[in-house]
Protein backbone atom coordinates (compact mmCIF):
# COMPACT_ATOMS: atom_id res chain seq x y z
CA MET A 1 84.96 93.09 95.26
CA VAL A 2 89.27 93.38 94.79
CA PHE A 3 91.00 90.27 95.00
CA ARG A 4 95.19 89.98 94.75
CA ARG A 5 96.77 86.34 94.21
CA THR A 6 98.63 84.11 95.98
CA ALA A 7 100.66 81.31 96.15
CA SER A 8 98.36 80.08 99.05
CA GLY A 9 95.07 81.25 96.84
CA PRO A 10 92.71 84.28 96.25
CA ARG A 11 92.77 87.63 98.79
CA TYR A 12 90.25 89.47 99.51
CA LEU A 13 90.08 93.77 100.25
CA LEU A 14 88.21 94.50 102.75
CA LEU A 15 88.02 97.77 104.67
CA LYS A 16 87.14 98.21 108.43
CA TYR A 17 84.80 101.28 109.10
CA PRO A 18 84.43 103.82 111.22
CA ALA A 19 81.06 102.41 112.84
CA GLY A 20 83.68 99.11 113.49
CA HIS A 21 82.03 96.99 111.26
CA TRP A 22 84.27 95.34 108.17
CA ASP A 23 83.04 95.77 104.35
CA LEU A 24 83.51 95.48 100.74
CA PRO A 25 85.19 98.43 98.84
CA LYS A 26 81.84 100.70 98.01
CA GLY A 27 80.07 103.66 97.19
CA ASN A 28 78.14 106.17 95.97
CA ILE A 29 77.48 106.77 91.84
CA GLU A 30 78.25 109.83 90.95
CA ARG A 31 75.95 111.91 88.55
CA GLY A 32 77.08 110.92 84.82
CA GLU A 33 78.84 107.99 85.85
CA GLU A 34 78.13 103.96 85.13
CA PRO A 35 78.78 101.55 87.88
CA ILE A 36 82.21 100.33 86.83
CA GLN A 37 83.58 103.68 86.78
CA THR A 38 81.80 104.21 90.72
CA MET A 39 84.11 101.29 91.50
CA VAL A 40 87.10 102.08 90.35
CA ARG A 41 86.93 105.58 91.51
CA GLU A 42 85.72 104.24 94.77
CA VAL A 43 88.46 101.14 95.00
CA ARG A 44 91.20 104.50 94.46
CA GLU A 45 89.62 107.23 96.52
CA GLU A 46 89.02 104.08 99.81
CA THR A 47 93.26 102.91 99.13
CA GLY A 48 94.72 104.46 96.56
CA ILE A 49 94.63 100.93 94.23
CA ILE A 50 93.99 102.15 90.72
CA ASP A 51 95.60 98.45 89.37
CA LEU A 52 92.69 96.83 88.82
CA ARG A 53 91.32 94.34 86.36
CA VAL A 54 87.55 93.62 86.14
CA ILE A 55 86.49 89.85 86.20
CA PRO A 56 83.94 89.47 83.19
CA GLY A 57 81.05 87.44 83.84
CA TYR A 58 80.51 88.38 88.21
CA GLU A 59 78.28 91.75 88.51
CA LYS A 60 76.09 91.57 91.52
CA LYS A 61 74.02 93.83 92.97
CA ILE A 62 72.64 94.07 96.52
CA GLU A 63 70.59 96.67 98.26
CA TYR A 64 69.81 97.47 101.55
CA PHE A 65 68.76 100.57 104.09
CA TYR A 66 70.59 102.02 107.33
CA ARG A 67 69.77 105.04 109.12
CA ARG A 68 71.64 109.17 108.21
CA ASP A 69 70.84 111.73 110.23
CA GLY A 70 67.92 109.46 111.89
CA LYS A 71 66.13 109.12 108.16
CA LYS A 72 66.55 105.24 107.09
CA VAL A 73 68.48 105.53 103.31
CA HIS A 74 68.12 103.25 100.61
CA LYS A 75 70.46 102.59 98.61
CA THR A 76 72.07 99.85 96.24
CA VAL A 77 75.06 98.69 95.63
CA VAL A 78 76.76 97.18 91.89
CA PHE A 79 79.99 94.68 92.64
CA PHE A 80 82.43 93.82 90.19
CA LEU A 81 85.51 91.68 91.11
CA ALA A 82 88.58 93.01 90.30
CA GLU A 83 92.20 91.92 90.58
CA THR A 84 95.04 93.97 90.90
CA LEU A 85 98.60 92.78 91.93
CA VAL A 86 99.18 96.03 94.48
CA GLU A 87 99.56 94.46 98.18
CA LYS A 88 99.93 98.22 99.32
CA VAL A 89 97.14 100.10 101.03
CA THR A 90 96.22 103.69 101.01
CA ILE A 91 92.91 103.70 102.75
CA SER A 92 91.84 107.09 103.31
CA PHE A 93 89.95 108.56 106.41
CA GLU A 94 87.24 107.18 106.25
CA HIS A 95 88.28 103.79 107.24
CA GLN A 96 90.35 102.37 110.01
CA ASP A 97 92.64 99.73 108.90
CA TYR A 98 92.13 97.20 105.89
CA GLY A 99 92.94 93.15 105.76
CA TRP A 100 93.98 90.88 103.00
CA PHE A 101 91.85 88.35 104.02
CA ASP A 102 91.46 84.23 102.01
CA TYR A 103 88.73 83.06 101.68
CA SER A 104 88.41 81.55 105.19
CA GLU A 105 89.31 84.77 107.37
CA ALA A 106 87.19 86.95 104.43
CA ILE A 107 84.01 85.12 105.10
CA LYS A 108 84.57 85.11 109.35
CA THR A 109 86.02 88.93 109.45
CA VAL A 110 83.32 90.35 106.85
CA SER A 111 80.18 91.96 109.26
CA TYR A 112 77.23 91.80 106.82
CA PRO A 113 75.51 88.49 105.69
CA ASN A 114 75.33 89.95 101.73
CA ALA A 115 78.76 90.88 101.58
CA ARG A 116 79.97 86.66 101.90
CA ARG A 117 77.55 85.46 99.73
CA LEU A 118 79.72 87.96 96.92
CA ILE A 119 82.39 86.50 99.24
CA ARG A 120 81.09 83.55 98.31
CA GLU A 121 80.43 84.04 94.86
CA GLY A 122 83.56 85.69 93.72
CA GLU A 123 85.36 82.52 95.33
CA ALA A 124 83.76 80.44 93.28
CA LEU A 125 84.24 82.18 90.08
CA ILE A 126 87.74 82.55 90.41
CA ILE A 127 88.74 79.00 92.03
CA GLY A 128 86.52 77.69 89.44
CA ASP A 129 88.98 78.98 86.83
CA LYS A 130 85.40 80.20 85.20
CA ALA A 131 87.48 83.49 84.88
CA PRO A 132 88.45 84.67 82.15
CA ALA A 133 91.15 86.56 81.07
CA ALA A 134 90.58 90.10 82.95
CA ARG A 135 90.62 92.73 81.13
CA ARG A 136 91.71 96.43 82.15
CA ALA A 137 89.22 98.95 83.90
CA ASP A 138 90.36 102.14 82.60
């Protein structure tokens, strides 16, 4: 989950997928990658953002099923909380739109309950001043 700090508070990056839903950036792990490497690569591929600082203490795993080519597919996604200073996003061919949303807008816009839970937990960590100094994700 990518966010940036603004004078009015954190803003979360959401992507609009071709099926019409809004969700957090995510993707598939490649052979030999660690989950955090996948997050950095996928965010770069989907948004063009390379400036990311991972916030320690936030690592959330979700699992769900979806259909691809008529078959039920099980997917596990590991989310990290990453801060960026970058506002300009260059979305990939995989997406139709993007937006930086404040907490209440993000909760209303995101399509899935799992993503709402992740945003709530991220907001609690950021706003609660529990976010230690970020470390660079290189």
